[in-house]
Protein backbone atom coordinates (compact mmCIF):
# COMPACT_ATOMS: atom_id res chain seq x y z
CA MET A 1 77.48 120.72 62.46
CA THR A 2 75.74 119.81 66.27
CA PRO A 3 77.62 120.97 69.27
CA THR A 4 79.22 118.81 71.60
CA TYR A 5 78.23 119.26 75.07
CA GLU A 6 81.27 118.79 78.39
CA ALA A 7 79.18 116.11 79.96
CA ALA A 8 77.52 112.93 78.43
CA ILE A 9 75.49 111.30 81.04
CA GLU A 10 74.68 107.77 80.22
CA VAL A 11 72.33 105.43 81.01
CA PRO A 12 72.62 101.59 79.72
CA ALA A 13 69.65 100.85 80.27
CA LEU A 14 70.37 96.72 79.06
CA ASP A 15 73.88 95.02 78.41
CA LEU A 16 73.74 91.62 77.78
CA ALA A 17 74.70 88.47 75.97
CA PRO A 18 72.12 85.29 75.65
CA ASP A 19 73.28 83.56 78.15
CA HIS A 20 74.09 86.31 80.50
CA PRO A 21 72.38 86.55 84.01
CA VAL A 22 70.03 89.24 84.52
CA ALA A 23 72.95 91.17 86.36
CA ALA A 24 74.53 94.54 86.49
CA THR A 25 77.74 94.52 84.01
CA MET A 26 80.44 95.78 84.26
CA ASP A 27 80.03 98.77 81.72
CA GLN A 28 76.47 99.72 83.85
CA SER A 29 77.86 99.78 87.28
CA LEU A 30 80.63 102.22 86.01
CA ALA A 31 77.83 104.48 84.73
CA VAL A 32 76.68 104.83 88.72
CA VAL A 33 80.68 106.24 89.39
CA TRP A 34 80.61 107.96 86.03
CA ASP A 35 77.25 109.85 86.02
CA ILE A 36 77.76 110.58 89.86
CA GLU A 37 80.95 112.63 89.71
CA ARG A 38 80.16 113.65 86.88
CA LEU A 39 77.55 115.45 87.37
CA GLY A 40 78.45 116.98 90.74
CA SER A 41 81.86 117.68 89.07
CA LEU A 42 79.65 120.05 86.91
CA GLY A 43 77.36 121.40 89.47
CA LEU A 44 79.38 122.66 91.84
CA ARG A 45 81.87 124.48 88.63
CA GLU A 46 78.50 125.75 87.41
CA GLY A 47 76.80 127.10 90.68
CA THR A 48 80.01 128.64 91.98
CA ARG A 49 80.16 130.59 88.78
CA ALA A 50 76.44 131.92 89.33
CA LEU A 51 76.79 132.82 92.65
CA LEU A 52 80.35 134.14 93.17
CA HIS A 53 82.47 136.50 91.87
CA PRO A 54 84.60 137.80 90.56
CA GLU A 55 85.31 134.78 88.19
CA PRO A 56 89.34 133.92 89.81
CA LEU A 57 86.96 133.68 93.04
CA ALA A 58 84.43 131.32 91.94
CA ILE A 59 86.96 129.19 90.17
CA GLY A 60 89.34 128.40 93.66
CA VAL A 61 86.26 127.69 95.70
CA GLY A 62 84.74 125.61 93.11
CA LEU A 63 87.83 123.98 92.47
CA GLY A 64 88.37 123.68 96.04
CA LEU A 65 84.88 122.27 96.93
CA ASP A 66 85.49 119.98 93.95
CA TYR A 67 88.40 118.05 95.37
CA ALA A 68 86.95 117.60 98.56
CA PHE A 69 83.82 115.97 96.48
CA ALA A 70 86.19 113.83 94.45
CA MET A 71 88.15 112.46 98.01
CA PHE A 72 85.26 112.66 100.30
CA LEU A 73 82.33 112.00 99.25
CA ALA A 74 83.14 110.34 95.29
CA PRO A 75 85.20 107.31 96.52
CA VAL A 76 81.72 105.69 97.87
CA PRO A 77 80.31 105.72 94.60
CA LEU A 78 83.75 104.26 93.45
CA ALA A 79 83.97 101.83 96.03
CA LEU A 80 80.38 100.32 94.78
CA THR A 81 81.49 99.90 90.85
CA HIS A 82 85.12 98.52 92.39
CA GLU A 83 83.27 95.29 94.09
CA GLU A 84 80.61 95.54 91.71
CA TRP A 85 83.56 94.68 88.68
CA HIS A 86 84.68 92.09 91.47
CA LEU A 87 81.17 90.22 91.08
CA ALA A 88 80.88 90.61 87.43
CA ALA A 89 84.04 88.14 86.99
CA LEU A 90 82.82 86.50 89.32
CA ARG A 91 79.96 85.56 88.04
CA GLU A 92 81.64 84.59 84.61
CA GLY A 93 82.97 81.81 86.47
CA GLY A 94 79.51 80.50 88.28
CA VAL A 95 80.19 82.54 91.79
CA THR A 96 77.58 84.60 93.14
CA GLY A 97 77.79 87.37 96.07
CA THR A 98 76.67 89.99 97.35
CA ASN A 99 78.22 93.52 96.91
CA LEU A 100 78.77 94.74 101.13
CA PHE A 101 80.67 98.02 99.30
CA LEU A 102 80.68 100.23 102.54
CA GLU A 103 82.96 97.49 103.74
CA GLY A 104 84.85 97.29 100.89
CA GLU A 105 84.06 93.14 100.64
CA VAL A 106 82.31 90.80 98.28
CA ILE A 107 80.41 88.15 100.85
CA ASP A 108 78.40 85.32 100.39
CA VAL A 109 80.59 82.86 98.89
CA SER A 110 81.34 79.60 99.67
CA ASP A 111 84.59 78.20 100.01
CA ASP A 112 82.73 75.33 97.62
CA GLU A 113 82.42 77.70 94.88
CA LEU A 114 85.75 79.52 95.58
CA VAL A 115 87.08 75.72 95.02
CA ALA A 116 85.59 75.03 92.13
CA ILE A 117 86.54 78.26 89.59
CA LYS A 118 89.63 77.50 91.20
CA ALA A 119 89.70 74.16 89.49
CA ASN A 120 87.71 74.78 86.84
CA ASP A 121 88.52 78.05 85.74
CA PRO A 122 91.35 79.84 86.97
CA GLU A 123 91.50 82.98 84.60
CA ASP A 124 88.47 84.27 85.87
CA LEU A 125 88.88 84.03 89.58
CA VAL A 126 92.22 85.57 88.78
CA ARG A 127 90.17 88.40 86.84
CA ALA A 128 88.37 88.89 89.46
CA HIS A 129 91.27 89.21 91.77
CA ALA A 130 91.94 92.33 89.78
CA ALA A 131 88.70 93.65 88.68
CA GLY A 132 88.56 96.77 90.76
CA ILE A 133 91.46 98.03 90.06
CA GLU A 134 90.70 97.51 86.90
CA SER A 135 87.44 99.87 87.31
CA HIS A 136 89.53 102.33 88.37
CA ASN A 137 91.60 102.53 85.16
CA THR A 138 88.54 102.34 82.57
CA LEU A 139 87.07 105.45 85.22
CA VAL A 140 90.59 107.22 84.66
CA ARG A 141 90.28 106.52 80.84
CA ARG A 142 86.75 107.57 80.73
CA ILE A 143 87.35 110.50 82.45
CA GLY A 144 90.30 111.54 79.93
CA ASP A 145 88.61 110.82 76.76
CA GLU A 146 85.40 112.39 77.74
CA ALA A 147 87.61 115.59 78.44
CA PHE A 148 89.53 115.29 74.96
CA LEU A 149 85.91 114.42 72.98
CA HIS A 150 83.25 117.10 75.06
CA GLY A 151 85.46 119.77 77.15
CA PRO A 152 84.90 123.25 76.33
CA GLN A 153 87.55 125.33 76.04
CA ALA A 154 88.58 126.88 79.30
CA ALA A 155 92.38 128.16 80.18
CA HIS A 156 94.23 128.29 77.82
CA LEU A 157 98.40 127.88 77.70
CA GLY A 158 100.11 128.20 74.28
CA PRO A 159 98.60 124.93 72.85
CA LEU A 160 97.05 123.68 76.32
CA ASP A 161 93.28 123.50 76.59
CA LEU A 162 93.06 123.22 80.84
CA MET A 163 90.68 122.46 83.24
CA GLY A 164 87.34 122.56 80.97
CA THR A 165 85.49 119.44 82.80
CA TRP A 166 86.57 119.81 86.41
CA MET A 167 87.69 116.19 86.20
CA ALA A 168 91.28 116.16 87.09
CA PRO A 169 90.32 115.44 90.79
CA HIS A 170 88.23 112.26 90.30
CA ALA A 171 91.25 110.81 88.04
CA GLN A 172 93.82 111.75 90.77
CA TYR A 173 91.70 110.00 93.54
CA ALA A 174 91.23 106.91 91.36
CA GLU A 175 94.91 106.98 90.72
CA LEU A 176 96.05 107.26 94.43
CA ASN A 177 93.87 104.80 95.55
CA SER A 178 94.94 102.03 93.32
CA TRP A 179 98.74 102.96 93.89
CA ASN A 180 98.37 102.85 97.18
CA TYR A 181 96.63 99.32 97.37
CA PHE A 182 99.45 98.19 95.37
CA ARG A 183 101.94 99.66 97.78
CA TYR A 184 99.94 98.04 100.97
CA CYS A 185 99.78 94.34 98.95
CA GLY A 186 103.73 94.65 98.26
CA SER A 187 104.57 96.13 101.79
CA GLY A 188 104.14 93.45 104.18
CA GLN A 189 101.49 95.52 106.15
CA THR A 190 99.06 92.61 105.04
CA ASP A 191 101.33 90.32 107.47
CA GLU A 192 99.51 92.56 109.73
CA VAL A 193 96.50 93.13 109.15
CA VAL A 194 94.78 89.56 107.66
CA PRO A 195 95.78 88.10 110.88
CA VAL A 196 93.68 90.87 112.76
CA VAL A 197 90.74 90.46 110.43
CA GLU A 198 90.55 86.57 110.77
CA ASP A 199 90.49 87.19 114.26
CA ILE A 200 87.46 89.38 114.43
CA GLU A 201 85.97 87.46 111.78
CA GLY A 202 85.78 84.45 113.79
CA THR A 203 83.09 81.98 112.83
CA THR A 204 80.68 84.10 112.28
CA ILE A 205 81.19 87.53 111.00
CA PRO A 206 80.72 87.17 106.50
CA ARG A 207 84.17 86.56 105.06
CA ASP A 208 85.18 88.47 102.07
CA PHE A 209 85.91 86.48 99.11
CA THR A 210 89.58 87.81 97.50
CA GLY A 211 91.37 90.05 101.26
CA PRO A 212 94.04 91.52 99.85
CA ASP A 213 93.28 91.99 95.51
CA CYS A 214 96.70 92.27 94.76
CA THR A 215 98.34 89.49 96.52
CA GLY A 216 95.27 86.85 95.39
CA TRP A 217 95.99 88.12 92.03
CA VAL A 218 99.45 86.90 92.22
CA ARG A 219 99.73 83.90 93.62
CA ASP A 220 96.95 82.74 91.98
CA LEU A 221 98.07 83.90 88.49
CA ARG A 222 101.50 81.99 89.12
CA ARG A 223 99.93 79.07 90.31
CA PRO A 224 97.20 78.16 88.59
CA ASP A 225 97.08 74.46 89.04
CA GLU A 226 97.22 74.65 92.87
CA PRO A 227 94.35 73.70 94.51
CA TYR A 228 92.40 75.84 96.34
CA VAL A 229 92.48 74.47 99.48
CA ASP A 230 96.20 74.71 99.20
CA ARG A 231 95.64 78.12 101.12
CA GLY A 232 95.19 76.14 104.91
CA LEU A 233 92.48 77.08 107.65
CA HIS A 234 90.65 80.07 108.28
CA ALA A 235 93.06 81.08 111.70
CA SER A 236 89.22 80.36 113.46
CA GLY A 237 89.74 76.33 112.32
CA GLU A 238 86.86 76.51 110.13
CA GLY A 239 86.86 76.61 106.49
CA ILE A 240 89.49 78.15 103.94
CA GLY A 241 92.31 80.45 105.23
CA ARG A 242 91.86 82.93 101.84
CA TYR A 243 93.43 85.99 102.37
CA VAL A 244 97.21 86.14 101.15
CA GLN A 245 99.59 87.86 102.96
CA PHE A 246 102.77 88.85 101.42
CA SER A 247 104.56 86.03 103.15
CA ASP A 248 102.23 83.71 101.60
CA LEU A 249 104.44 84.61 98.08
CA THR A 250 107.06 82.88 96.89
CA PRO A 251 110.18 85.66 96.31
CA ASP A 252 109.59 85.23 92.76
CA GLU A 253 105.90 86.52 93.45
CA GLN A 254 106.79 88.92 95.66
CA ARG A 255 109.30 91.03 93.27
CA MET A 256 106.41 90.62 91.18
CA LEU A 257 103.92 91.84 93.33
CA LYS A 258 106.15 94.64 93.81
CA LEU A 259 107.14 95.48 90.24
CA GLN A 260 103.42 96.34 89.78
CA THR A 261 103.45 99.06 92.68
CA SER A 262 106.41 100.48 90.86
CA LEU A 263 104.85 100.03 87.25
CA HIS A 264 101.90 102.00 87.95
CA PHE A 265 103.70 105.13 88.61
CA VAL A 266 103.73 105.70 84.34
CA ASP A 267 100.11 106.43 85.04
CA LEU A 268 101.43 109.74 86.13
CA ALA A 269 102.45 110.17 82.14
CA ASN A 270 98.67 111.40 81.51
CA PRO A 271 98.30 114.75 81.06
CA HIS A 272 94.37 114.73 81.78
CA LEU A 273 95.68 114.13 85.74
CA LEU A 274 96.74 117.93 85.63
CA GLY A 275 93.51 119.26 83.81
CA ILE A 276 94.65 119.31 80.27
CA ASP A 277 92.06 118.33 78.01
CA ARG A 278 93.77 118.09 74.76
CA ILE A 279 96.77 119.80 73.04
CA ARG A 280 96.21 121.86 69.82
CA VAL A 281 98.04 122.20 66.69
CA GLY A 282 96.52 124.38 64.03
CA ASP A 283 92.98 122.95 63.64
CA VAL A 284 94.00 119.22 65.09
CA ALA A 285 93.47 118.55 68.50
CA PHE A 286 95.34 115.68 70.40
CA THR A 287 95.82 113.47 73.24
CA ALA A 288 97.50 110.78 74.66
CA SER A 289 99.05 108.90 77.68
CA LEU A 290 100.24 106.15 79.50
CA MET A 291 98.30 103.12 81.98
CA HIS A 292 99.42 99.74 83.92
CA TRP A 293 97.16 97.08 84.32
CA LEU A 294 96.64 93.78 85.84
CA THR A 295 95.57 91.09 83.89
CA PRO A 296 93.94 87.52 83.81
CA TYR A 297 97.77 86.40 82.34
CA GLY A 298 99.89 88.74 84.00
CA TYR A 299 100.23 92.37 82.91
CA ALA A 300 99.73 95.06 80.35
CA LEU A 301 101.14 98.67 80.06
CA ASP A 302 99.48 100.58 76.82
CA LEU A 303 100.02 103.89 75.16
CA HIS A 304 97.03 105.44 74.22
CA GLY A 305 95.79 108.70 72.22
CA GLY A 306 92.46 110.94 70.64
CA LEU A 307 93.05 112.96 67.95
CA ARG A 308 90.40 115.04 65.78
CA ARG A 309 90.91 117.46 63.33
CA GLY A 310 88.85 120.78 62.76
CA THR A 311 85.65 121.93 65.02
CA GLY A 312 83.33 118.77 65.87
CA GLY A 313 82.98 115.98 63.88
CA ALA A 314 84.48 112.47 64.09
CA ALA A 315 87.62 111.75 66.55
CA VAL A 316 89.93 108.73 66.71
CA LEU A 317 90.83 107.08 69.87
CA ALA A 318 93.98 104.20 69.52
CA THR A 319 95.23 101.98 72.15
CA LEU A 320 98.69 99.91 71.92
CA ARG A 321 99.07 97.38 74.52
CA LEU A 322 101.96 95.47 75.46
CA GLY A 323 100.82 92.12 77.36
CA ILE A 324 103.80 91.19 79.93
CA ALA A 325 103.82 87.22 81.36
CA GLU A 326 106.37 84.73 81.32
CA GLN A 327 106.60 84.39 77.70
CA PRO A 328 106.82 88.40 76.86
CA THR A 329 105.40 89.89 74.53
CA PHE A 330 101.77 90.01 73.99
CA PRO A 331 100.76 93.24 71.70
CA ALA A 332 97.52 94.38 71.38
CA VAL A 333 95.79 97.70 69.49
CA GLU A 334 92.62 98.89 70.10
CA VAL A 335 91.28 102.21 67.11
CA ARG A 336 87.75 103.27 68.15
CA VAL A 337 86.19 106.08 65.54
CA VAL A 338 83.63 108.28 67.48
CA ASP A 339 81.19 110.60 67.16
CA VAL A 340 80.95 109.75 62.47
CA PRO A 341 77.82 111.72 61.99
CA LEU A 342 75.11 109.64 59.79
CA GLY A 343 72.86 113.12 58.84
CA ALA A 344 71.14 115.19 60.80
CA ALA A 345 70.31 113.02 63.44
CA LEU A 346 72.08 109.89 63.69
CA SER A 347 75.85 108.96 65.01
CA LEU A 348 78.48 105.81 64.81
CA GLN A 349 81.30 104.83 67.10
CA THR A 350 83.07 101.84 66.16
CA ARG A 351 85.17 99.66 67.47
CA THR A 352 87.92 97.48 65.96
CA GLU A 353 90.78 95.76 69.02
CA LEU A 354 93.39 92.84 67.88
CA TRP A 355 95.74 90.72 70.11
CA LEU A 356 98.02 88.25 70.90
CA GLN A 357 97.17 86.37 74.36
CA PRO A 358 98.58 83.70 76.46
CA ARG A 359 96.22 79.73 75.51
CA GLU A 360 93.52 79.96 77.99
CA LEU A 361 94.52 83.10 79.49
CA ARG A 362 97.70 81.17 81.55
CA TYR A 363 100.58 83.24 82.63
CA ASP A 364 102.56 80.47 81.08
CA GLY A 365 100.52 79.61 77.89
CA ALA A 366 101.94 80.20 74.78
CA PRO A 367 100.46 82.82 72.08
CA VAL A 368 97.04 82.93 70.79
CA PRO A 369 95.35 85.49 68.41
CA GLY A 370 92.27 87.34 68.94
CA GLY A 371 90.08 90.48 69.02
CA ARG A 372 86.94 92.23 69.50
CA LEU A 373 84.63 94.06 66.98
CA GLY A 374 82.18 96.38 68.23
CA ALA A 375 79.50 99.49 66.57
CA ARG A 376 77.37 101.59 67.98
CA LEU A 377 74.23 104.18 66.53
CA GLY A 378 73.02 106.97 68.05
CA TRP A 379 70.10 108.65 67.46
CA ARG A 380 69.23 112.32 68.78
CA PHE A 381 65.54 112.54 69.09
CA VAL A 382 65.76 116.26 70.82
CA ASP A 383 68.45 118.62 70.92
CA ARG A 384 70.90 117.43 73.81
CA PHE A 385 68.78 113.67 74.06
CA SER A 386 69.96 110.25 71.91
CA GLY A 387 69.28 107.03 72.33
CA TYR A 388 71.47 104.17 71.19
CA VAL A 389 71.67 100.38 69.56
CA GLY A 390 74.93 98.58 70.15
CA ALA A 391 76.56 95.05 69.82
CA ASP A 392 79.96 94.04 70.63
CA ALA A 393 81.59 90.15 69.84
CA LYS A 394 84.84 89.25 70.86
CA SER A 395 86.93 85.66 70.78
CA ALA A 396 88.44 83.96 73.91
CA GLY A 397 90.65 86.64 75.74
CA TRP A 398 90.86 89.83 78.02
CA THR A 399 89.88 93.31 77.16
CA PRO A 400 88.87 96.08 79.87
CA GLY A 401 85.67 96.37 81.18
CA ILE A 402 84.64 93.37 79.32
CA PRO A 403 83.28 90.59 82.04
CA ALA A 404 83.36 87.42 80.01
CA LEU A 405 86.40 85.90 78.87
CA GLY A 406 85.76 83.70 76.90
CA PRO A 407 84.15 84.56 73.23
CA ALA A 408 80.96 86.28 73.64
CA VAL A 409 78.47 88.56 71.88
CA TYR A 410 76.92 91.58 74.34
CA GLY A 411 74.01 93.89 72.94
CA GLN A 412 73.46 96.89 74.48
CA LEU A 413 70.32 99.43 74.66
CA GLY A 414 70.45 103.06 76.38
CA ALA A 415 70.27 106.48 76.22
CA THR A 416 72.66 109.47 76.50
CA ALA A 417 72.37 112.92 77.40
CA LEU A 418 74.84 115.82 76.81
CA LEU A 419 75.03 118.72 79.62
CA GLY A 420 76.86 121.28 80.58
CA ARG A 421 78.18 124.41 77.67
CA PRO A 422 78.00 124.47 74.08
CA ALA A 423 81.83 123.07 73.41
CA SER A 424 82.01 123.46 69.69
CA ALA A 425 84.12 126.85 69.54
CA TRP A 426 87.42 124.44 69.52
C-alpha cells in the first residue's frame, strides 16, 4: 500500500474546454488559495514542533500563529480567488474584466456588457454575483475532504481524530467571511454604503461589476426578464447604477435574502470546523457535514460525507443536494470514488453526478434532468510526486466549481505533490 500524506498540493496546469478561453478557471484559482494556506499551515506546525519543546508549548504557539495566518494573511489569496470566480462566471456570458482583488472588485466591465449578459444569459449574471461565495464554500469542502482523506493521526478523543491538519482556522475564517457578507447584504447597511461609494466614484473611478454580491444576486435571480437598465442612473448621472441596495428589493426579495443569512448557519454542522478530521468505528472511518449554497436558480442545502474502510485504499465521497426555487424541490446526488489503486504507480478517481434543475436555470423554471461524469488518472513517477490527466463532461446545469452552465467538456492536466508526514498509520 502506498502511504497517503496529509497535504496534497496541486498544480492544475491545464483545465480547458474546446471553446474555452485560455484564462484561469475556477479550479486553477482555487488551487492558489489552497496551496498557499495548506503549505503555510503545514510549515507552522512542523516549524514550531522543531523549535519549541515541550510539545504542548509547540502546539499552543503553533496554533496561535496558524490562527493569525488564517485571519490576517490568508484572506489575501482568498480574496484573489473570490474575484477570480466572479470573472470565470462572467466569461461564460462573454464578459471580460480585471481582477482588482485587493480592492474587492472586478473592474473594466462596461455597462453595455452587463446589459447584454442580462438580456442574453441572465443565468450567467446571477451565477457571477454568487460565484465569490461559491469559492469560499468550495474551499471549505476541500479542507474537509483533504483532512478526511490525507490527515495524519494527531490527538484522539474516543473515536474522533483531531487536528491532524491544523486547517480548521482557515475553514472557520472562510465561513465567517461568507456569513458576514450575507448579514451585511440583508441588514440594510447597503443603503448607507452604496451612496457613499457612488459619490466617491463619480465619473472617473472604475466601477465594480456588481457591488454587494448578495443583493445583486437576489434581484437578478427573481427578475430574469428585467432589463439591466432598469437599475437607473449612477448617482453621478453618468452610466447605470449597478449596485443594488437592500431598499431596492421587493419585500419578498428582502425576505429571501434574510433567509440566506439564517440558512448559512447550517454550515456550522461541519466537524472539520472543530478540527475533527474523521470518526473511526472499528476499521471504518467516516465524516459528514452540511452546507448552504447560492445557485443560479435559487439556493441549495446539501449533506456531504466520506467513507473509507481499512487503512488507505479507495474512499467514497458522496453528496445529497436539495435545490430550492419557485417550484420546490430540485434534488441532486454526487458520488466520487477516490484513491482507487490500479497497480503500484497508477490510481483512479471517478465522479458521477445526477440532478434535476430548473429549465434554463430560471427561478421559475420547470424541472429538467442533467448530470456530470468525470475521471482522473494519476501516475506516481516518484514517491511523493504524481502527474494526472482527467476529463469532465456535463449537461446543462450548475455544479460547484465548473464555470460553464451549459453543456461542456473539460480536459485537465496537472501534478500533485504529497507533503508532510506519512498518514498510513490510521
